[in-house]
Amino acid sequence: MNITIVEDEPIIRSELDKTLREAGYETTLVDDFRNVYDSLLKENTDLILLDVNLPYMDGFELCKKIKNHKNVPVIFLTSRSATEDELKSIQVGGFDYITKPYHKVVLLEKIKRALKLNDPILYREITKNGVTLDLHLSMLKYQGEEVELTRNEFRILYYFFTNPNRIIGKDELLEQLWNDKYYLDDTVLLVNINRLRKKAQEIGISNFLINVRGKGYRL
């Protein structure tokens, strides 16, 4: 598991790095805060530890922007303890909130809980807009009907279901499948998208994987 640490105080950043590595995690340290948003979009991370008080962009705004593109848990680190800040961390999509100086045991437990609850393997199904993706049987279900998916079809839909309410471009889909060592070119991707639409229609789902001209697809 990789955890990205976004903390502008070098001493605290180093302490967090040591604590997490001793607990068995891999870490990525961010120290370019002018370009922190772009850096986080490129990182393949399982959790972000995010300081609230950052230069150039505060942690709340950064979390809100990241959540528009990545389904990754965020735990806020802050020296403030105001209830208003805790509420705001929830409103922008943060998973949890811990004040500094933090207790190592508490921090590690919060991280463990966030990673566990965010792991889709723990769930048998994901449901969006009344349509269900069965993670164990690789099936698409709708109003009592179901259809089996091929490996590539399942992987494509899984990415859409774990990135809800987003328009996902062709290049992003190809990059995600490539990163996971399952290669699809443009033609094969289009064939799979069309096949998924046909299977969705077979079980009564209309307007599935809608093509947004010039941008990509959405559920």
C-alpha atoms as a PDB file:
ATOM      1  CA  MET A   1       0.000   0.000   0.000  1.00  0.00           C
ATOM      2  CA  ASN A   2       1.303   3.435  -0.937  1.00  0.00           C
ATOM      3  CA  ILE A   3       0.505   6.537   1.092  1.00  0.00           C
ATOM      4  CA  THR A   4       1.218  10.015  -0.226  1.00  0.00           C
ATOM      5  CA  ILE A   5       2.252  12.585   2.385  1.00  0.00           C
ATOM      6  CA  VAL A   6       1.410  16.219   1.608  1.00  0.00           C
ATOM      7  CA  GLU A   7       2.932  18.172   4.502  1.00  0.00           C
ATOM      8  CA  ASP A   8       4.967  21.374   4.086  1.00  0.00           C
ATOM      9  CA  GLU A   9       6.824  21.125   7.418  1.00  0.00           C
ATOM     10  CA  PRO A  10       9.975  19.072   6.680  1.00  0.00           C
ATOM     11  CA  ILE A  11      10.333  17.714  10.226  1.00  0.00           C
ATOM     12  CA  ILE A  12       6.719  16.529  10.414  1.00  0.00           C
ATOM     13  CA  ARG A  13       6.937  15.138   6.877  1.00  0.00           C
ATOM     14  CA  SER A  14      10.028  13.151   7.823  1.00  0.00           C
ATOM     15  CA  GLU A  15       8.403  11.859  11.031  1.00  0.00           C
ATOM     16  CA  LEU A  16       5.312  10.726   9.122  1.00  0.00           C
ATOM     17  CA  ASP A  17       7.483   9.016   6.532  1.00  0.00           C
ATOM     18  CA  LYS A  18       9.384   7.114   9.217  1.00  0.00           C
ATOM     19  CA  THR A  19       6.206   6.127  11.086  1.00  0.00           C
ATOM     20  CA  LEU A  20       4.500   4.802   7.981  1.00  0.00           C
ATOM     21  CA  ARG A  21       7.518   2.926   6.687  1.00  0.00           C
ATOM     22  CA  GLU A  22       8.019   1.267  10.064  1.00  0.00           C
ATOM     23  CA  ALA A  23       4.365   0.197   9.868  1.00  0.00           C
ATOM     24  CA  GLY A  24       5.012  -1.475   6.526  1.00  0.00           C
ATOM     25  CA  TYR A  25       3.645   1.121   4.100  1.00  0.00           C
ATOM     26  CA  GLU A  26       5.332   2.552   1.049  1.00  0.00           C
ATOM     27  CA  THR A  27       5.365   6.341   0.970  1.00  0.00           C
ATOM     28  CA  THR A  28       5.494   9.162  -1.547  1.00  0.00           C
ATOM     29  CA  LEU A  29       6.594  12.571  -0.252  1.00  0.00           C
ATOM     30  CA  VAL A  30       5.359  15.755  -1.911  1.00  0.00           C
ATOM     31  CA  ASP A  31       7.608  18.791  -1.579  1.00  0.00           C
ATOM     32  CA  ASP A  32       6.669  20.809  -4.683  1.00  0.00           C
ATOM     33  CA  PHE A  33       3.638  22.673  -3.364  1.00  0.00           C
ATOM     34  CA  ARG A  34       3.303  25.027  -6.294  1.00  0.00           C
ATOM     35  CA  ASN A  35       2.432  22.034  -8.498  1.00  0.00           C
ATOM     36  CA  VAL A  36       0.971  19.760  -5.845  1.00  0.00           C
ATOM     37  CA  TYR A  37      -2.376  19.268  -7.626  1.00  0.00           C
ATOM     38  CA  ASP A  38      -0.757  18.022 -10.837  1.00  0.00           C
ATOM     39  CA  SER A  39       1.568  15.777  -8.848  1.00  0.00           C
ATOM     40  CA  LEU A  40      -1.305  14.128  -6.984  1.00  0.00           C
ATOM     41  CA  LEU A  41      -3.250  13.477 -10.173  1.00  0.00           C
ATOM     42  CA  LYS A  42      -0.268  11.548 -11.554  1.00  0.00           C
ATOM     43  CA  GLU A  43       0.408   9.547  -8.395  1.00  0.00           C
ATOM     44  CA  ASN A  44      -0.985   6.028  -8.113  1.00  0.00           C
ATOM     45  CA  THR A  45      -1.615   6.101  -4.376  1.00  0.00           C
ATOM     46  CA  ASP A  46      -3.933   4.285  -1.965  1.00  0.00           C
ATOM     47  CA  LEU A  47      -4.370   7.130   0.539  1.00  0.00           C
ATOM     48  CA  ILE A  48      -3.384  10.783   0.928  1.00  0.00           C
ATOM     49  CA  LEU A  49      -2.319  12.375   4.215  1.00  0.00           C
ATOM     50  CA  LEU A  50      -3.071  16.033   3.566  1.00  0.00           C
ATOM     51  CA  ASP A  51      -2.084  19.056   5.616  1.00  0.00           C
ATOM     52  CA  VAL A  52      -4.766  21.763   5.733  1.00  0.00           C
ATOM     53  CA  ASN A  53      -2.402  24.749   5.829  1.00  0.00           C
ATOM     54  CA  LEU A  54      -0.418  24.529   2.607  1.00  0.00           C
ATOM     55  CA  PRO A  55       1.189  27.277   0.516  1.00  0.00           C
ATOM     56  CA  TYR A  56      -0.525  28.262  -2.762  1.00  0.00           C
ATOM     57  CA  MET A  57      -3.680  26.145  -2.151  1.00  0.00           C
ATOM     58  CA  ASP A  58      -5.191  25.022   1.160  1.00  0.00           C
ATOM     59  CA  GLY A  59      -5.846  21.352   1.822  1.00  0.00           C
ATOM     60  CA  PHE A  60      -9.635  21.664   1.659  1.00  0.00           C
ATOM     61  CA  GLU A  61      -9.612  23.125  -1.849  1.00  0.00           C
ATOM     62  CA  LEU A  62      -6.980  20.623  -2.952  1.00  0.00           C
ATOM     63  CA  CYS A  63      -9.029  17.693  -1.646  1.00  0.00           C
ATOM     64  CA  LYS A  64     -12.145  18.946  -3.414  1.00  0.00           C
ATOM     65  CA  LYS A  65     -10.302  19.148  -6.747  1.00  0.00           C
ATOM     66  CA  ILE A  66      -8.648  15.754  -6.353  1.00  0.00           C
ATOM     67  CA  LYS A  67     -11.968  14.078  -5.521  1.00  0.00           C
ATOM     68  CA  ASN A  68     -13.343  15.219  -8.863  1.00  0.00           C
ATOM     69  CA  HIS A  69     -10.807  12.954 -10.561  1.00  0.00           C
ATOM     70  CA  LYS A  70      -9.707  10.221  -8.164  1.00  0.00           C
ATOM     71  CA  ASN A  71     -11.522   7.954  -5.741  1.00  0.00           C
ATOM     72  CA  VAL A  72      -8.849   7.936  -3.035  1.00  0.00           C
ATOM     73  CA  PRO A  73      -9.335   8.374   0.738  1.00  0.00           C
ATOM     74  CA  VAL A  74      -7.947  11.592   2.238  1.00  0.00           C
ATOM     75  CA  ILE A  75      -7.058  12.064   5.902  1.00  0.00           C
ATOM     76  CA  PHE A  76      -6.483  15.686   6.916  1.00  0.00           C
ATOM     77  CA  LEU A  77      -3.632  16.734   9.206  1.00  0.00           C
ATOM     78  CA  THR A  78      -3.945  20.078  10.937  1.00  0.00           C
ATOM     79  CA  SER A  79      -2.804  22.022  13.974  1.00  0.00           C
ATOM     80  CA  ARG A  80      -6.306  23.507  14.260  1.00  0.00           C
ATOM     81  CA  SER A  81      -9.082  21.744  16.143  1.00  0.00           C
ATOM     82  CA  ALA A  82     -12.109  23.868  15.324  1.00  0.00           C
ATOM     83  CA  THR A  83     -15.386  22.031  14.738  1.00  0.00           C
ATOM     84  CA  GLU A  84     -15.876  24.137  11.623  1.00  0.00           C
ATOM     85  CA  ASP A  85     -12.688  22.711  10.102  1.00  0.00           C
ATOM     86  CA  GLU A  86     -13.740  19.154  10.935  1.00  0.00           C
ATOM     87  CA  LEU A  87     -17.098  19.726   9.257  1.00  0.00           C
ATOM     88  CA  LYS A  88     -15.425  21.258   6.202  1.00  0.00           C
ATOM     89  CA  SER A  89     -13.112  18.262   5.865  1.00  0.00           C
ATOM     90  CA  ILE A  90     -16.177  16.036   5.552  1.00  0.00           C
ATOM     91  CA  GLN A  91     -17.927  18.384   3.130  1.00  0.00           C
ATOM     92  CA  VAL A  92     -15.014  18.372   0.661  1.00  0.00           C
ATOM     93  CA  GLY A  93     -14.773  14.576   0.683  1.00  0.00           C
ATOM     94  CA  GLY A  94     -12.194  13.894   3.394  1.00  0.00           C
ATOM     95  CA  PHE A  95     -12.356  10.484   5.044  1.00  0.00           C
ATOM     96  CA  ASP A  96     -11.052  11.547   8.442  1.00  0.00           C
ATOM     97  CA  TYR A  97      -9.351  14.323  10.385  1.00  0.00           C
ATOM     98  CA  ILE A  98      -6.517  14.267  12.922  1.00  0.00           C
ATOM     99  CA  THR A  99      -4.954  17.151  14.818  1.00  0.00           C
ATOM    100  CA  LYS A 100      -1.248  17.758  15.386  1.00  0.00           C
ATOM    101  CA  PRO A 101       0.605  16.761  17.430  1.00  0.00           C
ATOM    102  CA  TYR A 102      -0.870  13.405  16.436  1.00  0.00           C
ATOM    103  CA  HIS A 103      -0.691  10.123  18.324  1.00  0.00           C
ATOM    104  CA  LYS A 104       1.047   7.500  16.174  1.00  0.00           C
ATOM    105  CA  VAL A 105      -1.247   4.656  17.222  1.00  0.00           C
ATOM    106  CA  VAL A 106      -4.363   6.715  16.485  1.00  0.00           C
ATOM    107  CA  LEU A 107      -3.015   7.860  13.129  1.00  0.00           C
ATOM    108  CA  LEU A 108      -2.127   4.311  12.055  1.00  0.00           C
ATOM    109  CA  GLU A 109      -5.533   3.039  13.121  1.00  0.00           C
ATOM    110  CA  LYS A 110      -7.303   5.759  11.126  1.00  0.00           C
ATOM    111  CA  ILE A 111      -5.180   4.887   8.076  1.00  0.00           C
ATOM    112  CA  LYS A 112      -5.898   1.179   8.490  1.00  0.00           C
ATOM    113  CA  ARG A 113      -9.628   1.859   8.721  1.00  0.00           C
ATOM    114  CA  ALA A 114      -9.642   4.169   5.689  1.00  0.00           C
ATOM    115  CA  LEU A 115      -7.792   1.642   3.530  1.00  0.00           C
ATOM    116  CA  LYS A 116     -10.044  -1.199   4.671  1.00  0.00           C
ATOM    117  CA  LEU A 117     -13.308   0.635   4.047  1.00  0.00           C
ATOM    118  CA  ASN A 118     -12.100   1.898   0.668  1.00  0.00           C
ATOM    119  CA  ASP A 119     -11.131  -1.574  -0.568  1.00  0.00           C
ATOM    120  CA  PRO A 120     -13.827  -2.687  -3.047  1.00  0.00           C
ATOM    121  CA  ILE A 121     -12.742  -6.315  -2.630  1.00  0.00           C
ATOM    122  CA  LEU A 122     -14.593  -6.224   0.690  1.00  0.00           C
ATOM    123  CA  TYR A 123     -17.859  -5.607  -1.140  1.00  0.00           C
ATOM    124  CA  ARG A 124     -19.633  -8.030  -3.410  1.00  0.00           C
ATOM    125  CA  GLU A 125     -21.436  -5.367  -5.434  1.00  0.00           C
ATOM    126  CA  ILE A 126     -21.321  -1.719  -6.450  1.00  0.00           C
ATOM    127  CA  THR A 127     -24.609  -0.060  -7.404  1.00  0.00           C
ATOM    128  CA  LYS A 128     -24.950   3.205  -9.340  1.00  0.00           C
ATOM    129  CA  ASN A 129     -28.219   4.658 -10.633  1.00  0.00           C
ATOM    130  CA  GLY A 130     -30.009   1.371  -9.979  1.00  0.00           C
ATOM    131  CA  VAL A 131     -27.477  -0.655 -11.990  1.00  0.00           C
ATOM    132  CA  THR A 132     -25.318  -3.178 -10.121  1.00  0.00           C
ATOM    133  CA  LEU A 133     -21.857  -4.489 -10.937  1.00  0.00           C
ATOM    134  CA  ASP A 134     -21.209  -7.838  -9.234  1.00  0.00           C
ATOM    135  CA  LEU A 135     -17.506  -7.852  -8.332  1.00  0.00           C
ATOM    136  CA  HIS A 136     -17.292 -11.564  -7.617  1.00  0.00           C
ATOM    137  CA  LEU A 137     -19.317 -12.988 -10.490  1.00  0.00           C
ATOM    138  CA  SER A 138     -18.366 -10.327 -13.105  1.00  0.00           C
ATOM    139  CA  MET A 139     -21.991  -9.660 -13.958  1.00  0.00           C
ATOM    140  CA  LEU A 140     -24.115  -6.586 -14.697  1.00  0.00           C
ATOM    141  CA  LYS A 141     -27.512  -6.616 -12.972  1.00  0.00           C
ATOM    142  CA  TYR A 142     -30.653  -4.547 -13.375  1.00  0.00           C
ATOM    143  CA  GLN A 143     -34.183  -5.056 -12.017  1.00  0.00           C
ATOM    144  CA  GLY A 144     -33.828  -8.811 -11.602  1.00  0.00           C
ATOM    145  CA  GLU A 145     -32.039  -9.332 -14.937  1.00  0.00           C
ATOM    146  CA  GLU A 146     -28.332 -10.020 -15.320  1.00  0.00           C
ATOM    147  CA  VAL A 147     -25.697 -10.531 -17.973  1.00  0.00           C
ATOM    148  CA  GLU A 148     -22.184 -11.953 -17.783  1.00  0.00           C
ATOM    149  CA  LEU A 149     -19.189  -9.750 -18.641  1.00  0.00           C
ATOM    150  CA  THR A 150     -15.886 -10.614 -20.269  1.00  0.00           C
ATOM    151  CA  ARG A 151     -12.669  -9.751 -18.459  1.00  0.00           C
ATOM    152  CA  ASN A 152     -12.094  -6.528 -20.395  1.00  0.00           C
ATOM    153  CA  GLU A 153     -15.754  -5.504 -20.173  1.00  0.00           C
ATOM    154  CA  PHE A 154     -15.650  -5.948 -16.413  1.00  0.00           C
ATOM    155  CA  ARG A 155     -12.457  -3.933 -16.031  1.00  0.00           C
ATOM    156  CA  ILE A 156     -13.868  -1.070 -18.088  1.00  0.00           C
ATOM    157  CA  LEU A 157     -17.105  -0.976 -16.084  1.00  0.00           C
ATOM    158  CA  TYR A 158     -15.257  -1.320 -12.791  1.00  0.00           C
ATOM    159  CA  TYR A 159     -13.367   1.886 -13.583  1.00  0.00           C
ATOM    160  CA  PHE A 160     -16.604   3.720 -14.348  1.00  0.00           C
ATOM    161  CA  PHE A 161     -18.339   2.417 -11.213  1.00  0.00           C
ATOM    162  CA  THR A 162     -15.424   3.422  -8.964  1.00  0.00           C
ATOM    163  CA  ASN A 163     -15.262   6.882 -10.560  1.00  0.00           C
ATOM    164  CA  PRO A 164     -18.943   7.885 -10.478  1.00  0.00           C
ATOM    165  CA  ASN A 165     -20.431  11.110 -11.840  1.00  0.00           C
ATOM    166  CA  ARG A 166     -17.460  11.722 -14.117  1.00  0.00           C
ATOM    167  CA  ILE A 167     -16.908  11.946 -17.831  1.00  0.00           C
ATOM    168  CA  ILE A 168     -13.995   9.604 -18.535  1.00  0.00           C
ATOM    169  CA  GLY A 169     -11.945  10.132 -21.655  1.00  0.00           C
ATOM    170  CA  LYS A 170     -10.623   7.443 -23.980  1.00  0.00           C
ATOM    171  CA  ASP A 171      -7.003   8.227 -23.133  1.00  0.00           C
ATOM    172  CA  GLU A 172      -7.670   7.900 -19.408  1.00  0.00           C
ATOM    173  CA  LEU A 173      -9.336   4.511 -19.895  1.00  0.00           C
ATOM    174  CA  LEU A 174      -6.471   3.257 -22.030  1.00  0.00           C
ATOM    175  CA  GLU A 175      -3.909   4.529 -19.529  1.00  0.00           C
ATOM    176  CA  GLN A 176      -5.618   2.819 -16.595  1.00  0.00           C
ATOM    177  CA  LEU A 177      -5.883  -0.497 -18.425  1.00  0.00           C
ATOM    178  CA  TRP A 178      -2.289  -0.190 -19.634  1.00  0.00           C
ATOM    179  CA  ASN A 179      -1.020   0.538 -16.122  1.00  0.00           C
ATOM    180  CA  ASP A 180      -2.689  -2.639 -14.942  1.00  0.00           C
ATOM    181  CA  LYS A 181      -0.984  -4.596 -17.740  1.00  0.00           C
ATOM    182  CA  TYR A 182      -4.150  -5.206 -19.733  1.00  0.00           C
ATOM    183  CA  TYR A 183      -3.589  -3.539 -23.091  1.00  0.00           C
ATOM    184  CA  LEU A 184      -6.444  -2.216 -25.227  1.00  0.00           C
ATOM    185  CA  ASP A 185      -6.001  -0.079 -28.318  1.00  0.00           C
ATOM    186  CA  ASP A 186      -8.564   2.446 -29.558  1.00  0.00           C
ATOM    187  CA  THR A 187     -10.377  -0.063 -31.746  1.00  0.00           C
ATOM    188  CA  VAL A 188     -10.631  -2.778 -29.112  1.00  0.00           C
ATOM    189  CA  LEU A 189     -11.813  -0.226 -26.550  1.00  0.00           C
ATOM    190  CA  LEU A 190     -14.610   0.953 -28.871  1.00  0.00           C
ATOM    191  CA  VAL A 191     -15.647  -2.651 -29.567  1.00  0.00           C
ATOM    192  CA  ASN A 192     -15.883  -3.315 -25.828  1.00  0.00           C
ATOM    193  CA  ILE A 193     -17.866  -0.123 -25.198  1.00  0.00           C
ATOM    194  CA  ASN A 194     -20.379  -1.045 -27.936  1.00  0.00           C
ATOM    195  CA  ARG A 195     -20.621  -4.598 -26.630  1.00  0.00           C
ATOM    196  CA  LEU A 196     -21.307  -3.298 -23.127  1.00  0.00           C
ATOM    197  CA  ARG A 197     -24.076  -1.046 -24.427  1.00  0.00           C
ATOM    198  CA  LYS A 198     -25.673  -3.996 -26.217  1.00  0.00           C
ATOM    199  CA  LYS A 199     -25.508  -6.180 -23.107  1.00  0.00           C
ATOM    200  CA  ALA A 200     -27.015  -3.353 -21.034  1.00  0.00           C
ATOM    201  CA  GLN A 201     -29.914  -3.081 -23.486  1.00  0.00           C
ATOM    202  CA  GLU A 202     -30.490  -6.841 -23.236  1.00  0.00           C
ATOM    203  CA  ILE A 203     -31.323  -6.490 -19.541  1.00  0.00           C
ATOM    204  CA  GLY A 204     -33.360  -3.302 -19.938  1.00  0.00           C
ATOM    205  CA  ILE A 205     -30.781  -0.561 -19.301  1.00  0.00           C
ATOM    206  CA  SER A 206     -31.091   2.429 -21.624  1.00  0.00           C
ATOM    207  CA  ASN A 207     -28.674   5.361 -22.073  1.00  0.00           C
ATOM    208  CA  PHE A 208     -25.689   3.362 -20.830  1.00  0.00           C
ATOM    209  CA  LEU A 209     -22.103   4.557 -21.310  1.00  0.00           C
ATOM    210  CA  ILE A 210     -23.222   7.753 -22.981  1.00  0.00           C
ATOM    211  CA  ASN A 211     -20.795   9.334 -25.434  1.00  0.00           C
ATOM    212  CA  VAL A 212     -20.118  12.972 -24.533  1.00  0.00           C
ATOM    213  CA  ARG A 213     -18.789  14.407 -27.784  1.00  0.00           C
ATOM    214  CA  GLY A 214     -15.168  15.438 -27.620  1.00  0.00           C
ATOM    215  CA  LYS A 215     -14.830  14.481 -23.930  1.00  0.00           C
ATOM    216  CA  GLY A 216     -15.425  10.782 -23.379  1.00  0.00           C
ATOM    217  CA  TYR A 217     -18.053   8.574 -21.777  1.00  0.00           C
ATOM    218  CA  ARG A 218     -20.216   8.576 -18.657  1.00  0.00           C
ATOM    219  CA  LEU A 219     -22.524   6.027 -17.054  1.00  0.00           C
END
